[in-house]
Amino acid sequence: MEWYQQYGAVYRTGGCFGQDILTVADPKALQYIFLLSGYRFPKTRDSRLALEAFTGQGVGTVEGSVHQRQRKILGPAFAASQLRLFLKVFQASALKLIEKANDYVGEGKEVNVHRWTTKIAIDIIGITSFRYKFNCLDDGQTELMAALKNIFGEAHMWPKKWELLFIALWRILPEWVLLLLERLPSRAAVRLKRFRDTATKVSRPIFEKQLIEVANDPGTKDIVNVLAMSHLADDAKKKMSDLEIDSQLATFLAAGHDGPANIIAWILYELSRHPEVQAKVREEIAIAKSKVPGALTWEDYDAMAWLNAVIKEVLRYHPLVFVLFREASQDDVLPLAVPIITSDGQSCSEIPISKGQVICASVYTYNRRVYMPPVWGDDAEKWNPCRFLEDRGIKQESLGAYANLYAPVSGAKHRQTYQFIRPSLFNSVMEVQSVVTELLDNFEFSIPKGAPELQHGPGDVGLIPIVPGKANKGPQIPLLVTPLNKQV
């Protein structure tokens, strides 16, 4: 952040082996890269290869026509009508978590809530995407939990110098040389391969079962059913290979649990730090429930202004993705919202870039910009959900489908697929709404006495919550959890 304050929203740095990296947080430039330029800024080769090592050749990894084909095949699984069916699953899973939590905390206990949110997120993705009960809340699937534990953190947190140099070589060395990655004893290689192998081991039998059942239930359009239909298709444009299917299963298993788990955990943490906001959200939940005789609907959740403002502010303040690397596939020009001063003293409102230019897009800095003109207001460095309750008259470049926030499903290749990614994003939001509503309706959350402020730890592209001095224990958000009917 200091460099952005000193040099502005765009500046050049030198990378390993003389690489030239253009670091960007300017909103207009980011909008151009991720929304307006089509496929002209693909992932850098090292980013793509790292994702392939993790999840294979899934929809989150591939580019161009292959991505378009996979996205079109998967589209029916993300139709709004399909996602509405998942609401009951979210609510039932949340109630199960409440039951387990009540048994565990008694009259009040310090709990690593991140572990709770990880378990419920895995259970939810199992039912909604795989028609399978992982039963993590019942301490089931210990092998899968072990593979997922800190997958985005342990493998990438504070790498050794030789690991940084090796990763930098991924942009230079021939790909056949990089196939040796899995044979090298690096922490990243071991952890990523372990997850991919476990994901295939767990999900393949579920998928094979669907191949038998799909003929009897062609109307269902969840992920595993759509993949099964694709596997059986004769049309090459509608068919996925075994490798592609295994990659999709690993992709949705990883992304489907990691995002919601982190969002919910950070929400509970920030509400513990701001008890006055927690009280407002809880009051809003009570009013909403008093008006509805049965379960809340999608519209009921969306009508809760405070709840949704808190979710948006957590996504801004603790972004799921904090930095992204892209590479220009051709000579281009980046437009700027904030003109920069060049080394010869000239004001410049656009930057010419050459083919092959590596771009480091800082989502984290975009979300917390405080220099003029402000994107989020002059208090961007503070956690303040009120910014989403007030009309501050701030003009913003459109960067994301949800509250102008960049999310992992936003991006260059997604501008043409908005109807595909928008329901996927809002599905995650609905999951968060459902779980947070039940947790706040049943428990009070607070910071344990004497607890240090949590830090952001570097994961892969995401930030994970760590306790200072205890990074080796992985993601943690320790909170004091007290049942509302048993407060002492």
Protein backbone atom coordinates (compact mmCIF):
# COMPACT_ATOMS: atom_id res chain seq x y z
CA MET A 1 0.00 0.00 0.00
CA GLU A 2 2.92 2.36 0.71
CA TRP A 3 4.11 2.12 -2.89
CA TYR A 4 0.65 3.00 -4.17
CA GLN A 5 0.56 6.03 -1.89
CA GLN A 6 3.98 7.08 -3.17
CA TYR A 7 3.77 6.20 -6.87
CA GLY A 8 0.05 6.11 -7.62
CA ALA A 9 -2.26 3.49 -9.05
CA VAL A 10 0.13 2.27 -11.77
CA TYR A 11 3.86 1.65 -11.54
CA ARG A 12 6.53 -0.69 -12.86
CA THR A 13 8.67 -3.06 -10.81
CA GLY A 14 11.37 -5.53 -11.67
CA GLY A 15 10.65 -9.21 -11.18
CA CYS A 16 12.95 -12.21 -10.96
CA PHE A 17 15.30 -12.81 -13.90
CA GLY A 18 14.78 -9.28 -15.23
CA GLN A 19 11.02 -9.60 -15.75
CA ASP A 20 9.13 -6.33 -16.20
CA ILE A 21 5.91 -6.20 -14.14
CA LEU A 22 3.28 -3.46 -14.42
CA THR A 23 1.37 -3.19 -11.14
CA VAL A 24 -2.15 -1.79 -11.55
CA ALA A 25 -4.91 -0.66 -9.17
CA ASP A 26 -6.44 2.09 -11.30
CA PRO A 27 -10.20 1.33 -11.62
CA LYS A 28 -10.51 2.25 -15.29
CA ALA A 29 -7.49 0.14 -16.21
CA LEU A 30 -8.81 -2.81 -14.21
CA GLN A 31 -12.21 -2.43 -15.85
CA TYR A 32 -10.55 -2.55 -19.25
CA ILE A 33 -8.42 -5.60 -18.42
CA PHE A 34 -11.13 -7.70 -16.79
CA LEU A 35 -14.36 -6.57 -18.45
CA LEU A 36 -13.86 -4.76 -21.74
CA SER A 37 -10.99 -6.49 -23.52
CA GLY A 38 -12.42 -9.94 -24.19
CA TYR A 39 -9.69 -12.58 -23.98
CA ARG A 40 -6.76 -10.23 -24.65
CA PHE A 41 -5.38 -10.52 -21.10
CA PRO A 42 -5.15 -14.24 -20.26
CA LYS A 43 -3.57 -15.61 -17.10
CA THR A 44 0.20 -15.62 -17.02
CA ARG A 45 1.66 -19.03 -17.69
CA ASP A 46 2.80 -19.53 -14.09
CA SER A 47 -0.71 -18.71 -12.81
CA ARG A 48 -2.30 -21.13 -15.27
CA LEU A 49 0.16 -23.93 -14.49
CA ALA A 50 -0.33 -23.45 -10.74
CA LEU A 51 -4.10 -23.77 -11.20
CA GLU A 52 -3.64 -26.83 -13.40
CA ALA A 53 -1.47 -28.44 -10.72
CA PHE A 54 -4.27 -27.76 -8.24
CA THR A 55 -7.50 -28.53 -10.10
CA GLY A 56 -6.49 -29.61 -13.60
CA GLN A 57 -8.01 -28.21 -16.79
CA GLY A 58 -11.28 -26.95 -15.33
CA VAL A 59 -13.39 -23.92 -16.16
CA GLY A 60 -11.34 -21.78 -13.77
CA THR A 61 -8.10 -22.60 -15.56
CA VAL A 62 -8.65 -22.85 -19.31
CA GLU A 63 -8.89 -19.88 -21.67
CA GLY A 64 -10.39 -18.92 -25.02
CA SER A 65 -12.57 -21.32 -26.99
CA VAL A 66 -12.02 -24.17 -24.51
CA HIS A 67 -13.34 -21.99 -21.70
CA GLN A 68 -16.33 -20.95 -23.82
CA ARG A 69 -17.19 -24.59 -24.55
CA GLN A 70 -16.89 -25.68 -20.90
CA ARG A 71 -18.85 -22.68 -19.68
CA LYS A 72 -21.66 -23.37 -22.14
CA ILE A 73 -21.88 -27.00 -20.99
CA LEU A 74 -21.96 -26.03 -17.31
CA GLY A 75 -24.40 -23.13 -17.79
CA PRO A 76 -27.63 -25.03 -16.94
CA ALA A 77 -26.26 -25.88 -13.48
CA PHE A 78 -26.19 -22.16 -12.66
CA ALA A 79 -29.63 -21.14 -13.88
CA ALA A 80 -31.46 -18.98 -11.35
CA SER A 81 -34.31 -21.50 -11.16
CA GLN A 82 -31.83 -24.22 -10.19
CA LEU A 83 -30.13 -22.08 -7.56
CA ARG A 84 -33.41 -21.27 -5.82
CA LEU A 85 -33.78 -24.98 -5.09
CA PHE A 86 -30.60 -24.82 -3.03
CA LEU A 87 -32.02 -22.40 -0.45
CA LYS A 88 -33.58 -25.23 1.56
CA VAL A 89 -30.21 -26.99 1.61
CA PHE A 90 -28.50 -23.86 2.94
CA GLN A 91 -31.10 -23.44 5.67
CA ALA A 92 -31.13 -27.11 6.69
CA SER A 93 -27.33 -27.16 6.88
CA ALA A 94 -27.34 -23.98 8.96
CA LEU A 95 -29.82 -25.49 11.44
CA LYS A 96 -27.63 -28.59 11.71
CA LEU A 97 -24.65 -26.36 12.50
CA ILE A 98 -26.69 -24.61 15.20
CA GLU A 99 -27.51 -27.96 16.79
CA LYS A 100 -23.88 -29.09 16.77
CA ALA A 101 -22.66 -25.72 18.02
CA ASN A 102 -25.12 -25.67 20.92
CA ASP A 103 -23.87 -29.07 22.06
CA TYR A 104 -20.26 -27.93 21.83
CA VAL A 105 -20.25 -24.44 23.37
CA GLY A 106 -22.56 -25.10 26.33
CA GLU A 107 -22.93 -21.77 28.13
CA GLY A 108 -20.13 -20.20 26.13
CA LYS A 109 -16.74 -21.22 24.77
CA GLU A 110 -13.88 -19.95 22.63
CA VAL A 111 -14.14 -21.52 19.18
CA ASN A 112 -12.16 -21.39 15.94
CA VAL A 113 -15.20 -20.46 13.85
CA HIS A 114 -13.23 -20.87 10.63
CA ARG A 115 -13.30 -24.62 11.17
CA TRP A 116 -17.09 -24.50 11.63
CA THR A 117 -17.58 -22.51 8.44
CA THR A 118 -15.29 -24.82 6.47
CA LYS A 119 -17.25 -27.89 7.54
CA ILE A 120 -20.65 -26.46 6.67
CA ALA A 121 -19.40 -25.14 3.32
CA ILE A 122 -18.11 -28.60 2.35
CA ASP A 123 -21.38 -30.23 3.39
CA ILE A 124 -23.33 -27.70 1.32
CA ILE A 125 -21.21 -28.10 -1.82
CA GLY A 126 -21.54 -31.87 -1.45
CA ILE A 127 -25.34 -31.78 -1.50
CA THR A 128 -25.87 -28.98 -4.02
CA SER A 129 -23.21 -30.02 -6.52
CA PHE A 130 -22.62 -33.73 -6.01
CA ARG A 131 -25.89 -35.00 -4.45
CA TYR A 132 -23.68 -36.47 -1.75
CA LYS A 133 -23.55 -36.03 2.02
CA PHE A 134 -19.97 -35.48 3.15
CA ASN A 135 -21.20 -35.15 6.77
CA CYS A 136 -18.28 -32.95 7.81
CA LEU A 137 -20.41 -31.46 10.59
CA ASP A 138 -20.63 -35.01 11.94
CA ASP A 139 -16.82 -35.28 11.65
CA GLY A 140 -17.07 -37.32 8.47
CA GLN A 141 -14.70 -37.17 5.45
CA THR A 142 -11.56 -36.74 7.52
CA GLU A 143 -9.42 -37.47 4.43
CA LEU A 144 -11.06 -34.70 2.44
CA MET A 145 -10.86 -32.27 5.36
CA ALA A 146 -7.16 -33.03 5.74
CA ALA A 147 -6.53 -32.39 2.04
CA LEU A 148 -8.47 -29.13 2.11
CA LYS A 149 -6.96 -27.87 5.37
CA ASN A 150 -5.06 -24.72 4.55
CA ILE A 151 -4.68 -25.74 0.92
CA PHE A 152 -4.52 -22.08 -0.06
CA GLY A 153 -2.22 -21.20 2.80
CA GLU A 154 0.30 -23.79 3.83
CA ALA A 155 1.52 -24.46 0.31
CA HIS A 156 2.13 -20.79 -0.47
CA MET A 157 2.65 -18.95 2.82
CA TRP A 158 6.11 -17.34 3.07
CA PRO A 159 7.83 -19.55 0.49
CA LYS A 160 11.58 -20.06 0.58
CA LYS A 161 13.81 -18.04 -1.75
CA TRP A 162 14.47 -20.98 -4.06
CA GLU A 163 10.72 -21.59 -4.34
CA LEU A 164 10.15 -17.99 -5.43
CA LEU A 165 12.86 -18.31 -8.07
CA PHE A 166 11.42 -21.60 -9.28
CA ILE A 167 7.91 -20.13 -9.60
CA ALA A 168 9.35 -17.20 -11.57
CA LEU A 169 10.89 -19.71 -13.99
CA TRP A 170 7.41 -20.99 -14.85
CA ARG A 171 7.05 -17.97 -17.17
CA ILE A 172 10.30 -18.82 -18.96
CA LEU A 173 10.95 -22.57 -19.07
CA PRO A 174 9.36 -24.89 -21.65
CA GLU A 175 6.22 -26.57 -20.36
CA TRP A 176 7.68 -30.06 -20.71
CA VAL A 177 10.29 -29.09 -18.13
CA LEU A 178 7.59 -27.86 -15.77
CA LEU A 179 5.89 -31.27 -15.85
CA LEU A 180 8.60 -32.24 -13.38
CA LEU A 181 6.87 -29.99 -10.83
CA GLU A 182 4.97 -32.90 -9.32
CA ARG A 183 8.25 -34.75 -8.75
CA LEU A 184 9.90 -31.91 -6.85
CA PRO A 185 9.74 -31.96 -3.03
CA SER A 186 8.34 -28.43 -2.65
CA ARG A 187 5.56 -27.79 -0.16
CA ALA A 188 3.34 -26.34 -2.87
CA ALA A 189 3.72 -29.31 -5.20
CA VAL A 190 3.03 -31.85 -2.46
CA ARG A 191 -0.04 -30.07 -1.09
CA LEU A 192 -1.59 -29.30 -4.46
CA LYS A 193 -1.11 -32.83 -5.77
CA ARG A 194 -2.50 -34.29 -2.54
CA PHE A 195 -5.66 -32.25 -2.90
CA ARG A 196 -6.13 -33.12 -6.57
CA ASP A 197 -5.64 -36.83 -5.91
CA THR A 198 -8.03 -36.77 -2.94
CA ALA A 199 -10.64 -34.77 -4.84
CA THR A 200 -10.57 -37.31 -7.67
CA LYS A 201 -10.71 -40.23 -5.23
CA VAL A 202 -13.73 -38.76 -3.42
CA SER A 203 -15.69 -37.36 -6.37
CA ARG A 204 -15.11 -40.01 -9.06
CA PRO A 205 -17.30 -42.71 -7.43
CA ILE A 206 -20.06 -40.11 -6.99
CA PHE A 207 -19.81 -39.18 -10.65
CA GLU A 208 -19.79 -42.81 -11.82
CA LYS A 209 -23.02 -43.36 -9.89
CA GLN A 210 -24.57 -40.39 -11.69
CA LEU A 211 -23.78 -41.95 -15.06
CA ILE A 212 -26.24 -44.69 -14.13
CA GLU A 213 -28.89 -42.39 -12.66
CA VAL A 214 -28.83 -39.58 -15.21
CA ALA A 215 -31.02 -41.48 -17.68
CA ASN A 216 -33.71 -41.82 -15.00
CA ASP A 217 -33.59 -38.17 -13.94
CA PRO A 218 -32.75 -36.02 -16.98
CA GLY A 219 -34.59 -32.99 -15.59
CA THR A 220 -32.16 -32.32 -12.74
CA LYS A 221 -29.47 -29.80 -13.65
CA ASP A 222 -26.98 -29.77 -10.80
CA ILE A 223 -23.25 -29.85 -11.54
CA VAL A 224 -22.65 -33.58 -11.33
CA ASN A 225 -25.73 -34.30 -13.47
CA VAL A 226 -24.68 -31.81 -16.13
CA LEU A 227 -21.21 -33.37 -16.20
CA ALA A 228 -22.69 -36.85 -16.51
CA MET A 229 -24.84 -35.75 -19.45
CA SER A 230 -21.77 -34.20 -21.06
CA HIS A 231 -19.82 -37.42 -20.63
CA LEU A 232 -22.56 -39.35 -22.44
CA ALA A 233 -22.99 -36.80 -25.24
CA ASP A 234 -22.10 -37.69 -28.84
CA ASP A 235 -21.69 -34.09 -29.99
CA ALA A 236 -18.04 -33.05 -29.55
CA LYS A 237 -19.12 -29.52 -28.62
CA LYS A 238 -21.17 -30.86 -25.71
CA LYS A 239 -18.79 -33.57 -24.55
CA MET A 240 -16.10 -33.37 -21.87
CA SER A 241 -13.17 -35.75 -21.55
CA ASP A 242 -12.47 -37.72 -18.37
CA LEU A 243 -9.65 -35.29 -17.55
CA GLU A 244 -11.95 -32.29 -17.98
CA ILE A 245 -14.63 -33.87 -15.79
CA ASP A 246 -12.18 -34.69 -13.00
CA SER A 247 -10.92 -31.11 -13.27
CA GLN A 248 -14.44 -29.64 -12.96
CA LEU A 249 -15.15 -31.80 -9.90
CA ALA A 250 -11.93 -30.63 -8.22
CA THR A 251 -12.59 -27.01 -9.21
CA PHE A 252 -16.09 -26.84 -7.73
CA LEU A 253 -15.07 -28.76 -4.63
CA ALA A 254 -12.26 -26.30 -3.90
CA ALA A 255 -13.96 -23.05 -4.93
CA GLY A 256 -17.37 -24.02 -3.56
CA HIS A 257 -16.09 -24.47 -0.02
CA ASP A 258 -13.27 -21.94 0.24
CA GLY A 259 -15.15 -18.76 -0.72
CA PRO A 260 -18.27 -19.09 1.47
CA ALA A 261 -16.24 -20.48 4.41
CA ASN A 262 -13.91 -17.48 4.45
CA ILE A 263 -16.67 -14.91 3.92
CA ILE A 264 -18.80 -16.24 6.80
CA ALA A 265 -15.82 -16.48 9.14
CA TRP A 266 -14.68 -12.93 8.39
CA ILE A 267 -18.25 -11.66 8.89
CA LEU A 268 -18.37 -13.20 12.36
CA TYR A 269 -14.99 -11.68 13.16
CA GLU A 270 -15.91 -8.16 12.05
CA LEU A 271 -19.26 -8.32 13.86
CA SER A 272 -17.37 -9.36 16.98
CA ARG A 273 -15.14 -6.31 16.58
CA HIS A 274 -18.20 -4.12 16.00
CA PRO A 275 -20.87 -5.32 18.47
CA GLU A 276 -23.13 -2.36 17.67
CA VAL A 277 -23.37 -3.54 14.06
CA GLN A 278 -23.92 -7.13 15.21
CA ALA A 279 -26.87 -5.92 17.29
CA LYS A 280 -28.39 -4.07 14.31
CA VAL A 281 -28.12 -7.13 12.06
CA ARG A 282 -29.60 -9.39 14.75
CA GLU A 283 -32.51 -6.99 15.24
CA GLU A 284 -33.10 -6.92 11.48
CA ILE A 285 -33.15 -10.73 11.41
CA ALA A 286 -35.67 -10.88 14.26
CA ILE A 287 -37.98 -8.43 12.48
CA ALA A 288 -37.75 -10.40 9.21
CA LYS A 289 -38.52 -13.69 10.94
CA SER A 290 -41.46 -12.19 12.83
CA LYS A 291 -43.12 -11.31 9.51
CA VAL A 292 -42.74 -14.76 7.95
CA PRO A 293 -44.61 -17.80 9.33
CA GLY A 294 -42.22 -20.29 7.74
CA ALA A 295 -38.70 -20.24 6.36
CA LEU A 296 -37.25 -17.05 4.92
CA THR A 297 -37.25 -16.67 1.14
CA TRP A 298 -34.60 -15.36 -1.22
CA GLU A 299 -36.48 -12.04 -1.29
CA ASP A 300 -36.54 -11.88 2.52
CA TYR A 301 -32.76 -12.16 2.70
CA ASP A 302 -32.23 -9.55 0.00
CA ALA A 303 -34.50 -7.12 1.87
CA MET A 304 -32.20 -7.11 4.94
CA ALA A 305 -30.22 -3.92 4.36
CA TRP A 306 -27.80 -4.29 7.27
CA LEU A 307 -27.06 -7.96 6.62
CA ASN A 308 -26.26 -7.33 2.97
CA ALA A 309 -24.21 -4.22 3.72
CA VAL A 310 -22.09 -6.30 6.11
CA ILE A 311 -21.56 -9.01 3.48
CA LYS A 312 -20.51 -6.44 0.87
CA GLU A 313 -18.15 -4.68 3.24
CA VAL A 314 -16.48 -7.95 4.22
CA LEU A 315 -16.00 -8.80 0.54
CA ARG A 316 -14.43 -5.38 0.06
CA TYR A 317 -12.25 -5.38 3.18
CA HIS A 318 -11.26 -9.06 3.08
CA PRO A 319 -11.32 -9.86 -0.66
CA LEU A 320 -11.41 -13.49 -1.72
CA VAL A 321 -8.80 -12.62 -4.35
CA PHE A 322 -6.22 -9.96 -3.52
CA VAL A 323 -3.94 -10.05 -6.57
CA LEU A 324 -4.18 -11.45 -10.10
CA PHE A 325 -1.52 -11.82 -12.77
CA ARG A 326 -2.35 -11.32 -16.43
CA GLU A 327 -0.32 -11.05 -19.63
CA ALA A 328 -1.05 -8.92 -22.69
CA SER A 329 -1.61 -11.16 -25.71
CA GLN A 330 -1.03 -8.23 -28.09
CA ASP A 331 0.09 -4.61 -28.11
CA ASP A 332 -2.55 -2.54 -26.35
CA VAL A 333 -3.33 0.69 -24.51
CA LEU A 334 -4.56 0.86 -20.90
CA PRO A 335 -6.90 3.80 -20.12
CA LEU A 336 -6.50 5.43 -16.69
CA ALA A 337 -9.05 7.04 -14.38
CA VAL A 338 -6.26 8.88 -12.57
CA PRO A 339 -3.56 10.40 -14.82
CA ILE A 340 0.02 9.60 -13.87
CA ILE A 341 3.16 11.70 -14.15
CA THR A 342 5.85 10.07 -16.26
CA SER A 343 9.57 10.16 -15.48
CA ASP A 344 9.97 13.15 -17.82
CA GLY A 345 7.21 15.09 -16.02
CA GLN A 346 4.39 14.57 -18.54
CA SER A 347 0.79 13.87 -17.48
CA CYS A 348 -0.47 10.64 -19.00
CA SER A 349 -4.06 9.33 -19.05
CA GLU A 350 -3.29 6.10 -20.91
CA ILE A 351 -0.40 3.66 -21.01
CA PRO A 352 0.79 1.82 -24.13
CA ILE A 353 1.84 -1.74 -23.38
CA SER A 354 3.58 -4.36 -25.48
CA LYS A 355 2.63 -7.94 -26.19
CA GLY A 356 3.84 -10.15 -23.36
CA GLN A 357 3.65 -7.41 -20.71
CA VAL A 358 3.02 -8.99 -17.29
CA ILE A 359 0.36 -7.17 -15.25
CA CYS A 360 -0.09 -7.50 -11.50
CA ALA A 361 -3.68 -6.43 -10.80
CA SER A 362 -4.07 -5.50 -7.13
CA VAL A 363 -7.69 -6.07 -6.13
CA TYR A 364 -6.75 -5.46 -2.49
CA THR A 365 -5.48 -1.95 -3.23
CA TYR A 366 -8.43 -1.17 -5.51
CA ASN A 367 -10.73 -2.03 -2.60
CA ARG A 368 -8.85 0.20 -0.14
CA ARG A 369 -7.82 3.16 -2.24
CA VAL A 370 -7.78 6.44 -0.32
CA TYR A 371 -6.05 8.82 -2.72
CA MET A 372 -8.09 11.09 -5.02
CA PRO A 373 -10.45 10.44 -6.58
CA PRO A 374 -11.69 7.99 -3.99
CA VAL A 375 -13.44 4.82 -5.08
CA TRP A 376 -14.97 3.90 -1.74
CA GLY A 377 -14.78 7.20 0.14
CA ASP A 378 -12.13 8.79 2.33
CA ASP A 379 -12.52 6.05 4.96
CA ALA A 380 -11.63 3.20 2.58
CA GLU A 381 -9.03 1.82 5.01
CA LYS A 382 -11.69 1.31 7.69
CA TRP A 383 -14.32 -1.42 7.96
CA ASN A 384 -17.60 0.45 7.64
CA PRO A 385 -20.71 -1.28 6.21
CA CYS A 386 -22.56 2.05 6.24
CA ARG A 387 -20.86 2.88 2.94
CA PHE A 388 -23.32 0.45 1.32
CA LEU A 389 -26.31 1.98 3.11
CA GLU A 390 -25.66 5.55 2.04
CA ASP A 391 -25.54 7.32 -1.29
CA ARG A 392 -22.16 9.01 -1.03
CA GLY A 393 -22.27 10.36 -4.57
CA ILE A 394 -19.02 8.61 -5.49
CA LYS A 395 -18.58 7.87 -9.20
CA GLN A 396 -17.16 4.39 -9.75
CA GLU A 397 -15.98 2.42 -12.73
CA SER A 398 -17.99 -0.80 -13.01
CA LEU A 399 -15.73 -3.71 -12.07
CA GLY A 400 -17.95 -6.44 -10.60
CA ALA A 401 -21.44 -7.91 -10.80
CA TYR A 402 -22.04 -7.56 -7.06
CA ALA A 403 -21.82 -4.10 -5.45
CA ASN A 404 -18.98 -3.14 -7.84
CA LEU A 405 -16.74 -5.64 -6.03
CA TYR A 406 -14.32 -7.84 -7.90
CA ALA A 407 -15.12 -11.50 -7.21
CA PRO A 408 -13.39 -14.66 -8.50
CA VAL A 409 -16.20 -15.08 -11.03
CA SER A 410 -15.69 -11.59 -12.45
CA GLY A 411 -13.13 -11.05 -15.15
CA ALA A 412 -12.19 -10.60 -18.76
CA LYS A 413 -13.61 -13.83 -20.06
CA HIS A 414 -16.81 -13.32 -18.10
CA ARG A 415 -18.15 -10.18 -19.73
CA GLN A 416 -19.78 -12.31 -22.42
CA THR A 417 -20.95 -14.84 -19.83
CA TYR A 418 -22.62 -12.55 -17.32
CA GLN A 419 -25.78 -14.65 -17.22
CA PHE A 420 -23.59 -17.63 -16.36
CA ILE A 421 -21.49 -16.15 -13.57
CA ARG A 422 -24.08 -13.84 -12.00
CA PRO A 423 -26.25 -16.66 -10.59
CA SER A 424 -23.10 -18.48 -9.43
CA LEU A 425 -21.98 -15.43 -7.46
CA PHE A 426 -25.40 -14.78 -6.00
CA ASN A 427 -25.68 -18.44 -5.06
CA SER A 428 -22.65 -17.96 -2.80
CA VAL A 429 -24.19 -14.78 -1.38
CA MET A 430 -27.45 -16.61 -0.65
CA GLU A 431 -25.50 -19.35 1.13
CA VAL A 432 -23.74 -16.75 3.27
CA GLN A 433 -27.03 -14.96 4.01
CA SER A 434 -28.69 -18.19 5.15
CA VAL A 435 -25.88 -19.37 7.42
CA VAL A 436 -25.10 -15.98 8.97
CA THR A 437 -28.80 -15.38 9.67
CA GLU A 438 -29.14 -18.57 11.70
CA LEU A 439 -25.84 -18.09 13.53
CA LEU A 440 -26.71 -14.55 14.63
CA ASP A 441 -30.23 -15.59 15.56
CA ASN A 442 -28.84 -18.18 17.97
CA PHE A 443 -25.45 -16.94 19.19
CA GLU A 444 -23.60 -13.86 20.26
CA PHE A 445 -20.03 -13.55 19.00
CA SER A 446 -17.28 -11.56 20.70
CA ILE A 447 -13.50 -11.18 20.74
CA PRO A 448 -11.84 -13.25 23.51
CA LYS A 449 -10.23 -11.14 26.23
CA GLY A 450 -6.64 -10.28 25.40
CA ALA A 451 -6.82 -11.74 21.89
CA PRO A 452 -4.51 -10.07 19.34
CA GLU A 453 -5.90 -8.58 16.15
CA LEU A 454 -5.94 -11.12 13.34
CA GLN A 455 -3.64 -10.75 10.37
CA HIS A 456 -4.03 -11.51 6.70
CA GLY A 457 -1.82 -14.41 5.71
CA PRO A 458 -0.85 -14.97 2.08
CA GLY A 459 -2.55 -17.93 0.50
CA ASP A 460 -2.43 -18.59 -3.23
CA VAL A 461 -4.33 -15.60 -4.64
CA GLY A 462 -6.49 -15.26 -1.53
CA LEU A 463 -5.91 -13.98 1.98
CA ILE A 464 -6.42 -16.28 4.95
CA PRO A 465 -6.99 -15.29 8.60
CA ILE A 466 -4.10 -16.12 10.91
CA VAL A 467 -3.36 -15.50 14.58
CA PRO A 468 -0.05 -13.61 15.03
CA GLY A 469 2.65 -16.08 16.03
CA LYS A 470 0.50 -19.09 15.13
CA ALA A 471 0.65 -19.11 11.35
CA ASN A 472 1.79 -22.74 11.40
CA LYS A 473 -1.66 -23.72 12.69
CA GLY A 474 -3.34 -22.50 9.52
CA PRO A 475 -6.47 -20.35 9.19
CA GLN A 476 -7.95 -19.40 12.55
CA ILE A 477 -10.64 -17.02 13.77
CA PRO A 478 -10.98 -17.69 17.50
CA LEU A 479 -14.14 -16.10 18.90
CA LEU A 480 -16.11 -16.39 22.12
CA VAL A 481 -19.45 -17.96 21.19
CA THR A 482 -22.35 -17.61 23.64
CA PRO A 483 -25.85 -19.05 23.08
CA LEU A 484 -28.38 -16.23 23.28
CA ASN A 485 -30.59 -18.19 25.66
CA LYS A 486 -27.65 -19.01 27.96
CA GLN A 487 -25.75 -15.75 28.28
CA VAL A 488 -23.83 -15.41 31.55
